[in-house]
């Protein structure tokens, strides 16, 4: 028996050999190589003009101008470049969390909050610019690479941002915001009149942030952290004002898309990795006995509970197409991510003190207050969703339960039981909203049209 020939598919039999040439093999008329055809002789300069046109098309495809405001695709897949950028930003979050783990004090918490918020603002600013104006081309890759290089320098300065390297961190952050301001300026040049106000405000706000950050390098070290915190608050207030006062056309262009929803969710997932990092770091630095291992694994479940809470009740969902809901959704992710990162720092200390009779006060407060913030921020995000109105029978009782559990978490932090008991109690408290939601869902199924 002879096997199939070179032009025979084993299942479908003989196949026709395609004679179609690849596009790149064709000439300007669309014809491919073949027998010589009679044609008019080329005109002088025609070949050079065609080559220049091909090079111009190539340059335009590799280095496209910013997408005009209001023309971003509503359905877009988040690319690996954006995820790499998110990962670079979270390296800075890890640096800030590691600094907090070694300085669980009120000043340490204030430093963490100021630095984390500044990093988050830069990430949100760059992410929003790419969502509104970016392409997947060489221009975007170059600008993302430039930002990542600056972020790497900022990350190196974070461990001593409140001391010897505070001025260097301020200058690096100022350069990052200056780059972002230039990107917004280049995008604003091609905007239609109805979008110019919002674009100019983004340019002015981002540039002012760069100038003020550079100015903080001249301050005494003790004054920089309060100055950064004040700058964070002013920027967030201005950002909210721009969105809340936007015209209908501007507001429609800045509504949260599926791609932006995915970016924010991915950022939360990467930050959740800090809880695992804290546990693994704690276990690797101590003799691993049964109690230490148990405390570490319980802490992992607490981190998993934060993931479950966010993604079950708010994550992966777009807010209502309203200006206030958009602001609430975007800014609500800031305390959520900050609390998760702080919890990761607290888990390192929890494992280190696994054999203590009572959890250290700072560790207990960071973990328990962080859990309370996760619950509160998740409900803040849920209140911006369409489901908040469409599923009132679920979300209203759920919000009340989360509020009660958050208060109980604060009480647990004040009680400061042993690390193992504290971790188990947090798991129990986090399970209350989940249990309520499941019970409500089951009751809806039983009482619905198909129930008996």
Protein backbone atom coordinates (compact mmCIF):
# COMPACT_ATOMS: atom_id res chain seq x y z
CA UNK A 1 0.00 0.00 0.00
CA UNK A 2 1.35 3.37 -0.90
CA UNK A 3 1.05 6.28 1.50
CA UNK A 4 -0.50 9.60 0.72
CA UNK A 5 1.41 11.73 -1.74
CA UNK A 6 2.75 15.17 -0.95
CA UNK A 7 -0.51 16.79 -2.11
CA UNK A 8 -2.88 14.35 -0.35
CA UNK A 9 -4.36 14.82 3.15
CA UNK A 10 -4.71 11.56 5.02
CA UNK A 11 -8.38 12.34 5.95
CA UNK A 12 -9.66 14.45 3.10
CA UNK A 13 -7.84 12.95 0.10
CA UNK A 14 -6.30 14.92 -2.75
CA UNK A 15 -6.06 18.59 -2.20
CA UNK A 16 -5.55 21.44 -4.57
CA UNK A 17 -2.15 23.05 -4.37
CA UNK A 18 -2.52 26.74 -3.69
CA UNK A 19 -0.81 29.00 -6.16
CA UNK A 20 -1.42 32.14 -4.17
CA UNK A 21 1.74 33.99 -3.25
CA UNK A 22 2.22 35.71 0.10
CA UNK A 23 1.33 39.36 0.18
CA UNK A 24 4.92 40.42 0.70
CA UNK A 25 5.87 38.78 -2.64
CA UNK A 26 3.54 40.97 -4.69
CA UNK A 27 4.43 44.12 -6.47
CA UNK A 28 2.60 47.44 -6.21
CA UNK A 29 -0.05 46.26 -8.71
CA UNK A 30 -0.86 43.22 -6.62
CA UNK A 31 0.65 40.75 -9.11
CA UNK A 32 3.10 38.13 -7.96
CA UNK A 33 6.13 36.72 -9.75
CA UNK A 34 5.43 34.83 -12.93
CA UNK A 35 5.96 34.94 -16.66
CA UNK A 36 7.04 38.26 -17.99
CA UNK A 37 4.15 40.50 -18.92
CA UNK A 38 4.21 43.18 -21.49
CA UNK A 39 3.98 46.50 -19.76
CA UNK A 40 4.90 50.07 -20.27
CA UNK A 41 8.45 50.94 -19.27
CA UNK A 42 8.70 52.38 -15.73
CA UNK A 43 8.62 56.10 -15.46
CA UNK A 44 11.67 57.82 -13.99
CA UNK A 45 11.39 58.12 -10.21
CA UNK A 46 8.43 55.70 -9.89
CA UNK A 47 10.44 53.03 -8.03
CA UNK A 48 11.91 55.52 -5.57
CA UNK A 49 8.46 56.97 -4.83
CA UNK A 50 7.04 53.51 -4.22
CA UNK A 51 9.87 52.67 -1.83
CA UNK A 52 9.35 55.91 0.06
CA UNK A 53 5.65 55.14 0.34
CA UNK A 54 6.35 51.64 1.67
CA UNK A 55 8.77 53.03 4.26
CA UNK A 56 6.21 55.66 5.28
CA UNK A 57 3.56 52.97 5.77
CA UNK A 58 6.00 50.91 7.84
CA UNK A 59 6.87 53.90 10.03
CA UNK A 60 3.18 54.69 10.54
CA UNK A 61 2.44 51.09 11.58
CA UNK A 62 5.36 50.97 14.03
CA UNK A 63 5.04 54.48 15.47
CA UNK A 64 1.38 55.48 15.36
CA UNK A 65 0.20 58.80 16.75
CA UNK A 66 -1.80 58.64 20.00
CA UNK A 67 -5.36 57.46 19.52
CA UNK A 68 -7.71 60.47 19.61
CA UNK A 69 -9.84 60.86 22.71
CA UNK A 70 -13.14 59.01 22.44
CA UNK A 71 -11.93 56.50 19.83
CA UNK A 72 -10.62 53.76 22.09
CA UNK A 73 -12.07 50.30 21.38
CA UNK A 74 -14.66 49.20 23.92
CA UNK A 75 -13.60 45.57 23.53
CA UNK A 76 -9.86 45.09 23.82
CA UNK A 77 -7.68 42.31 25.15
CA UNK A 78 -5.06 43.29 27.72
CA UNK A 79 -1.65 42.52 26.23
CA UNK A 80 1.52 41.11 27.80
CA UNK A 81 3.18 44.54 27.66
CA UNK A 82 0.59 45.99 30.05
CA UNK A 83 0.90 43.00 32.38
CA UNK A 84 4.68 43.38 32.42
CA UNK A 85 4.25 47.04 33.33
CA UNK A 86 1.85 46.06 36.14
CA UNK A 87 4.40 43.56 37.43
CA UNK A 88 7.10 46.24 37.44
CA UNK A 89 4.85 48.50 39.51
CA UNK A 90 4.12 45.72 42.00
CA UNK A 91 7.88 45.31 42.55
CA UNK A 92 7.71 48.79 44.10
CA UNK A 93 4.71 47.68 46.16
CA UNK A 94 6.78 44.74 47.40
CA UNK A 95 9.58 47.09 48.39
CA UNK A 96 7.16 49.28 50.34
CA UNK A 97 5.58 46.25 52.03
CA UNK A 98 8.98 44.86 52.98
CA UNK A 99 9.88 48.22 54.49
CA UNK A 100 6.62 48.19 56.47
CA UNK A 101 7.28 44.64 57.71
CA UNK A 102 10.44 45.87 59.42
CA UNK A 103 8.84 49.05 60.75
CA UNK A 104 5.36 48.17 62.07
CA UNK A 105 4.88 51.53 63.75
CA UNK A 106 2.62 54.51 63.14
CA UNK A 107 5.40 56.42 61.33
CA UNK A 108 6.18 53.28 59.32
CA UNK A 109 2.51 52.91 58.37
CA UNK A 110 2.35 56.57 57.34
CA UNK A 111 5.44 56.18 55.17
CA UNK A 112 3.95 53.07 53.57
CA UNK A 113 0.64 54.83 52.84
CA UNK A 114 2.31 57.88 51.26
CA UNK A 115 4.70 55.87 49.08
CA UNK A 116 2.13 53.24 48.08
CA UNK A 117 -0.41 55.89 47.10
CA UNK A 118 2.14 57.75 45.02
CA UNK A 119 3.09 54.55 43.17
CA UNK A 120 -0.58 53.64 42.68
CA UNK A 121 -1.36 57.10 41.27
CA UNK A 122 1.48 56.78 38.74
CA UNK A 123 0.23 53.31 37.74
CA UNK A 124 -3.37 54.46 37.38
CA UNK A 125 -2.28 57.54 35.40
CA UNK A 126 -0.20 55.51 32.95
CA UNK A 127 -2.83 52.79 32.66
CA UNK A 128 -5.57 55.29 31.90
CA UNK A 129 -3.40 56.99 29.27
CA UNK A 130 -2.74 53.70 27.49
CA UNK A 131 -6.40 52.75 27.69
CA UNK A 132 -7.50 56.03 26.09
CA UNK A 133 -4.66 56.75 23.66
CA UNK A 134 -2.29 53.78 23.36
CA UNK A 135 -1.62 51.29 20.56
CA UNK A 136 0.28 48.01 20.56
CA UNK A 137 3.19 49.37 18.55
CA UNK A 138 6.82 50.35 18.94
CA UNK A 139 5.82 53.72 20.37
CA UNK A 140 3.92 52.11 23.25
CA UNK A 141 6.71 49.63 23.90
CA UNK A 142 9.27 52.41 24.03
CA UNK A 143 7.24 54.57 26.41
CA UNK A 144 6.43 51.62 28.66
CA UNK A 145 10.10 50.65 28.74
CA UNK A 146 11.05 54.19 29.69
CA UNK A 147 8.54 54.12 32.55
CA UNK A 148 9.78 50.71 33.72
CA UNK A 149 13.36 51.98 33.80
CA UNK A 150 12.30 54.89 36.00
CA UNK A 151 10.24 52.56 38.19
CA UNK A 152 13.31 50.38 38.71
CA UNK A 153 15.21 53.39 40.04
CA UNK A 154 12.30 54.35 42.30
CA UNK A 155 12.15 50.81 43.68
CA UNK A 156 15.82 50.95 44.64
CA UNK A 157 15.20 54.12 46.67
CA UNK A 158 12.01 53.02 48.50
CA UNK A 159 13.70 51.19 51.43
CA UNK A 160 15.26 54.49 52.53
CA UNK A 161 12.65 56.87 51.12
CA UNK A 162 12.11 58.45 54.53
CA UNK A 163 15.82 58.99 55.06
CA UNK A 164 19.02 59.15 53.05
CA UNK A 165 17.46 58.27 49.68
CA UNK A 166 14.29 60.32 50.01
CA UNK A 167 15.54 63.08 47.71
CA UNK A 168 16.54 60.53 45.06
CA UNK A 169 13.13 58.88 45.27
CA UNK A 170 11.43 62.27 44.88
CA UNK A 171 13.51 63.13 41.79
CA UNK A 172 12.86 59.71 40.20
CA UNK A 173 9.12 60.04 40.86
CA UNK A 174 9.18 63.56 39.41
CA UNK A 175 10.83 62.27 36.23
CA UNK A 176 8.15 59.56 35.94
CA UNK A 177 5.33 62.09 36.25
CA UNK A 178 7.09 64.38 33.78
CA UNK A 179 7.15 61.55 31.24
CA UNK A 180 3.45 60.92 31.86
CA UNK A 181 2.71 64.63 31.43
CA UNK A 182 4.49 64.62 28.05
CA UNK A 183 2.47 61.58 26.95
CA UNK A 184 -0.79 63.32 27.89
CA UNK A 185 0.37 66.47 26.09
CA UNK A 186 1.15 64.59 22.88
CA UNK A 187 -2.25 62.91 23.03
CA UNK A 188 -4.05 66.21 23.71
CA UNK A 189 -2.67 67.76 20.52
CA UNK A 190 -4.94 65.54 18.42
CA UNK A 191 -8.07 65.86 20.54
CA UNK A 192 -11.32 67.24 19.22
CA UNK A 193 -12.60 70.44 20.88
CA UNK A 194 -15.08 68.66 23.17
CA UNK A 195 -12.24 66.69 24.81
CA UNK A 196 -9.63 69.42 25.14
CA UNK A 197 -10.63 70.65 28.59
CA UNK A 198 -10.25 67.25 30.26
CA UNK A 199 -7.01 66.54 28.36
CA UNK A 200 -5.47 69.85 29.36
CA UNK A 201 -6.42 69.29 32.98
CA UNK A 202 -4.70 65.90 32.92
CA UNK A 203 -1.60 67.51 31.41
CA UNK A 204 -1.55 70.36 33.94
CA UNK A 205 -2.26 68.10 36.92
CA UNK A 206 0.38 65.54 36.00
CA UNK A 207 2.99 68.21 35.22
CA UNK A 208 2.24 70.04 38.48
CA UNK A 209 2.69 66.77 40.36
CA UNK A 210 6.12 66.34 38.70
CA UNK A 211 7.20 69.85 39.70
CA UNK A 212 5.99 69.51 43.28
CA UNK A 213 7.64 66.11 43.68
CA UNK A 214 10.94 67.56 42.52
CA UNK A 215 10.49 70.40 45.03
CA UNK A 216 10.10 67.91 47.90
CA UNK A 217 13.69 66.80 47.27
CA UNK A 218 14.74 70.12 48.81
CA UNK A 219 12.77 69.52 52.03
CA UNK A 220 14.24 68.04 55.21
CA UNK A 221 13.86 64.29 55.43
CA UNK A 222 11.30 64.56 58.23
CA UNK A 223 9.04 66.75 56.07
CA UNK A 224 9.02 64.69 52.87
CA UNK A 225 6.58 61.97 53.91
CA UNK A 226 3.89 64.47 55.05
CA UNK A 227 4.48 66.45 51.83
CA UNK A 228 4.02 63.34 49.70
CA UNK A 229 0.86 62.44 51.61
CA UNK A 230 -0.55 65.93 51.03
CA UNK A 231 0.37 65.73 47.35
CA UNK A 232 -1.37 62.34 47.10
CA UNK A 233 -4.57 63.78 48.59
CA UNK A 234 -4.54 66.86 46.34
CA UNK A 235 -3.94 64.81 43.21
CA UNK A 236 -6.74 62.35 44.00
CA UNK A 237 -9.12 65.21 44.75
CA UNK A 238 -8.22 66.88 41.45
CA UNK A 239 -8.57 63.62 39.53
CA UNK A 240 -12.03 63.11 41.02
CA UNK A 241 -13.04 66.69 40.20
CA UNK A 242 -11.97 66.28 36.56
CA UNK A 243 -14.08 63.16 36.14
CA UNK A 244 -17.08 64.45 38.07
CA UNK A 245 -17.22 67.74 36.13
CA UNK A 246 -16.56 66.20 32.70
CA UNK A 247 -18.98 66.93 29.88
CA UNK A 248 -21.22 64.08 28.69
CA UNK A 249 -18.90 63.39 25.74
CA UNK A 250 -15.82 63.39 27.98
CA UNK A 251 -17.53 61.21 30.57
CA UNK A 252 -18.60 58.69 27.94
CA UNK A 253 -15.01 58.44 26.68
CA UNK A 254 -13.64 57.83 30.19
CA UNK A 255 -16.08 55.11 31.22
CA UNK A 256 -14.45 51.94 32.49
CA UNK A 257 -13.95 49.35 29.76
CA UNK A 258 -13.55 45.58 30.04
CA UNK A 259 -9.81 45.95 29.47
CA UNK A 260 -9.45 48.47 32.31
CA UNK A 261 -11.51 46.20 34.55
CA UNK A 262 -9.12 43.39 33.74
CA UNK A 263 -6.10 45.60 34.48
CA UNK A 264 -7.40 46.59 37.92
CA UNK A 265 -8.28 42.99 38.74
CA UNK A 266 -4.87 41.75 37.62
CA UNK A 267 -3.20 44.40 39.78
CA UNK A 268 -5.12 43.17 42.83
CA UNK A 269 -4.12 39.57 42.07
CA UNK A 270 -0.44 40.51 41.82
CA UNK A 271 -0.62 42.48 45.07
CA UNK A 272 -2.26 39.46 46.72
CA UNK A 273 1.00 37.67 46.03
CA UNK A 274 2.47 39.81 48.80
CA UNK A 275 0.49 37.79 51.34
CA UNK A 276 2.19 34.62 50.12
CA UNK A 277 5.55 36.37 50.03
CA UNK A 278 5.13 37.45 53.65
CA UNK A 279 4.29 33.93 54.79
CA UNK A 280 7.08 32.25 52.83
CA UNK A 281 9.63 34.83 54.02
CA UNK A 282 8.55 34.28 57.61
CA UNK A 283 8.72 30.49 57.34
CA UNK A 284 12.12 30.55 55.66
CA UNK A 285 13.65 32.72 58.40
CA UNK A 286 12.47 30.59 61.36
CA UNK A 287 12.89 26.95 62.41
CA UNK A 288 9.77 25.34 60.95
CA UNK A 289 7.93 23.52 63.72
CA UNK A 290 4.33 22.37 63.73
CA UNK A 291 2.99 25.57 65.31
CA UNK A 292 4.99 27.90 63.05
CA UNK A 293 3.87 25.99 59.96
CA UNK A 294 0.25 26.03 61.13
CA UNK A 295 0.33 29.80 61.65
CA UNK A 296 1.86 30.29 58.19
CA UNK A 297 -0.73 28.14 56.45
CA UNK A 298 -3.57 29.84 58.32
CA UNK A 299 -2.19 33.20 57.18
CA UNK A 300 -2.26 31.96 53.57
CA UNK A 301 -5.95 31.14 53.99
CA UNK A 302 -6.57 34.66 55.30
CA UNK A 303 -4.98 36.05 52.13
CA UNK A 304 -7.08 33.68 50.07
CA UNK A 305 -10.10 35.03 51.93
CA UNK A 306 -9.25 38.54 50.77
CA UNK A 307 -9.13 37.26 47.17
CA UNK A 308 -12.44 35.46 47.61
CA UNK A 309 -14.15 38.49 49.09
CA UNK A 310 -13.07 40.88 46.32
CA UNK A 311 -13.66 38.65 43.31
CA UNK A 312 -16.92 37.15 44.55
CA UNK A 313 -18.61 40.45 45.32
CA UNK A 314 -16.96 43.17 43.19
CA UNK A 315 -13.97 42.09 41.10
CA UNK A 316 -14.10 41.63 37.34
CA UNK A 317 -17.21 43.78 36.95
CA UNK A 318 -17.61 47.16 35.28
CA UNK A 319 -19.24 50.00 37.25
CA UNK A 320 -22.39 51.75 36.19
CA UNK A 321 -21.84 54.13 33.23
CA UNK A 322 -22.03 57.19 35.48
CA UNK A 323 -19.35 59.68 36.44
CA UNK A 324 -19.74 59.23 40.20
CA UNK A 325 -19.74 55.43 39.89
CA UNK A 326 -16.58 55.57 37.74
CA UNK A 327 -14.73 57.67 40.32
CA UNK A 328 -15.94 55.46 43.15
CA UNK A 329 -14.85 52.31 41.32
CA UNK A 330 -11.39 53.59 40.41
CA UNK A 331 -10.51 55.16 43.75
CA UNK A 332 -12.06 52.29 45.71
CA UNK A 333 -9.27 50.03 44.44
CA UNK A 334 -6.63 52.17 46.17
CA UNK A 335 -7.45 51.31 49.82
CA UNK A 336 -8.19 47.73 48.81
CA UNK A 337 -4.75 47.16 47.24
CA UNK A 338 -2.97 49.08 50.02
CA UNK A 339 -4.68 47.01 52.73
CA UNK A 340 -3.76 43.73 51.01
CA UNK A 341 -0.12 44.78 50.69
CA UNK A 342 -0.03 45.82 54.35
CA UNK A 343 -1.56 42.49 55.36
CA UNK A 344 1.32 40.77 53.59
CA UNK A 345 3.74 42.71 55.77
CA UNK A 346 1.75 41.77 58.86
CA UNK A 347 1.79 38.08 57.95
CA UNK A 348 5.58 38.04 58.04
CA UNK A 349 5.48 39.32 61.62
CA UNK A 350 2.67 36.90 62.51
CA UNK A 351 4.81 33.91 61.50
CA UNK A 352 7.85 35.35 63.29
CA UNK A 353 5.83 35.51 66.55
CA UNK A 354 4.01 32.20 66.10
CA UNK A 355 5.03 31.00 69.60
CA UNK A 356 4.03 34.18 71.43
CA UNK A 357 1.16 34.02 73.89
CA UNK A 358 -0.36 37.18 72.36
CA UNK A 359 0.07 38.67 68.92
CA UNK A 360 2.15 41.87 68.95
CA UNK A 361 -0.13 44.90 68.92
CA UNK A 362 1.18 46.33 65.66
CA UNK A 363 0.88 42.98 63.88
CA UNK A 364 -2.64 42.39 65.15
CA UNK A 365 -3.81 45.86 64.13
CA UNK A 366 -2.26 45.68 60.65
CA UNK A 367 -3.86 42.31 59.92
CA UNK A 368 -7.25 42.96 61.50
CA UNK A 369 -7.62 46.55 60.32
CA UNK A 370 -6.40 45.47 56.87
CA UNK A 371 -9.11 42.81 56.75
CA UNK A 372 -11.69 45.40 57.79
CA UNK A 373 -10.52 47.74 55.01
CA UNK A 374 -10.73 44.91 52.46
CA UNK A 375 -14.34 44.26 53.48
CA UNK A 376 -15.26 47.95 53.44
CA UNK A 377 -13.49 48.69 50.14
CA UNK A 378 -15.12 45.68 48.50
CA UNK A 379 -18.56 46.95 49.45
CA UNK A 380 -17.60 50.44 48.27
CA UNK A 381 -16.74 48.92 44.90
CA UNK A 382 -19.89 46.80 44.90
CA UNK A 383 -21.99 49.93 45.44
CA UNK A 384 -20.71 51.26 42.08
CA UNK A 385 -21.88 48.18 40.16
CA UNK A 386 -25.17 47.74 38.29
CA UNK A 387 -25.83 44.68 40.48
CA UNK A 388 -26.02 46.96 43.53
CA UNK A 389 -29.43 48.13 42.26
CA UNK A 390 -30.48 45.01 40.36
CA UNK A 391 -29.74 42.58 43.21
CA UNK A 392 -30.74 44.60 46.23
CA UNK A 393 -31.90 41.51 48.12
CA UNK A 394 -28.32 40.20 48.04
CA UNK A 395 -26.11 43.28 48.28
CA UNK A 396 -27.93 45.23 50.98
CA UNK A 397 -27.77 42.43 53.61
CA UNK A 398 -24.26 41.64 52.41
CA UNK A 399 -23.14 45.23 53.00
CA UNK A 400 -24.58 45.19 56.52
CA UNK A 401 -22.86 41.86 57.23
CA UNK A 402 -19.51 43.14 55.95
CA UNK A 403 -19.83 46.25 58.13
CA UNK A 404 -20.52 44.13 61.20
CA UNK A 405 -17.65 41.77 60.39
CA UNK A 406 -15.29 44.73 59.88
CA UNK A 407 -16.15 46.02 63.37
CA UNK A 408 -15.57 42.53 64.76
CA UNK A 409 -12.15 42.46 63.06
CA UNK A 410 -11.20 45.68 64.84
CA UNK A 411 -12.31 44.14 68.13
CA UNK A 412 -10.17 41.10 67.38
CA UNK A 413 -7.19 43.37 66.78
CA UNK A 414 -7.72 45.01 70.15
CA UNK A 415 -8.01 41.61 71.89
CA UNK A 416 -4.71 40.37 70.40
CA UNK A 417 -5.07 36.60 70.88
CA UNK A 418 -2.22 34.26 70.00
CA UNK A 419 -1.17 34.28 66.32
CA UNK A 420 -2.85 30.96 65.53
CA UNK A 421 -6.11 31.96 67.20
CA UNK A 422 -6.05 35.37 65.53
CA UNK A 423 -5.59 33.81 62.09
CA UNK A 424 -8.36 31.25 62.65
CA UNK A 425 -10.69 33.98 63.91
CA UNK A 426 -10.05 36.08 60.80
CA UNK A 427 -10.89 33.11 58.60
CA UNK A 428 -14.11 32.58 60.54
CA UNK A 429 -15.06 36.24 60.25
CA UNK A 430 -14.31 36.34 56.51
CA UNK A 431 -16.50 33.28 56.00
CA UNK A 432 -19.59 35.07 57.31
CA UNK A 433 -20.22 37.19 54.16
CA UNK A 434 -19.50 34.19 51.95
CA UNK A 435 -21.97 32.04 53.89
CA UNK A 436 -24.61 34.76 53.74
CA UNK A 437 -24.17 35.17 49.99
CA UNK A 438 -24.44 31.42 49.37
CA UNK A 439 -27.54 31.20 51.57
CA UNK A 440 -29.15 34.09 49.69
CA UNK A 441 -28.35 32.50 46.35
CA UNK A 442 -29.78 29.16 47.41
CA UNK A 443 -32.90 30.83 48.77
CA UNK A 444 -33.33 32.68 45.46
CA UNK A 445 -33.05 29.41 43.54
CA UNK A 446 -35.58 27.65 45.76
CA UNK A 447 -38.04 30.56 45.80
CA UNK A 448 -37.63 31.36 42.11
CA UNK A 449 -39.91 30.31 39.29
CA UNK A 450 -38.39 26.83 39.24
CA UNK A 451 -38.56 26.35 43.01
CA UNK A 452 -41.21 24.50 44.96
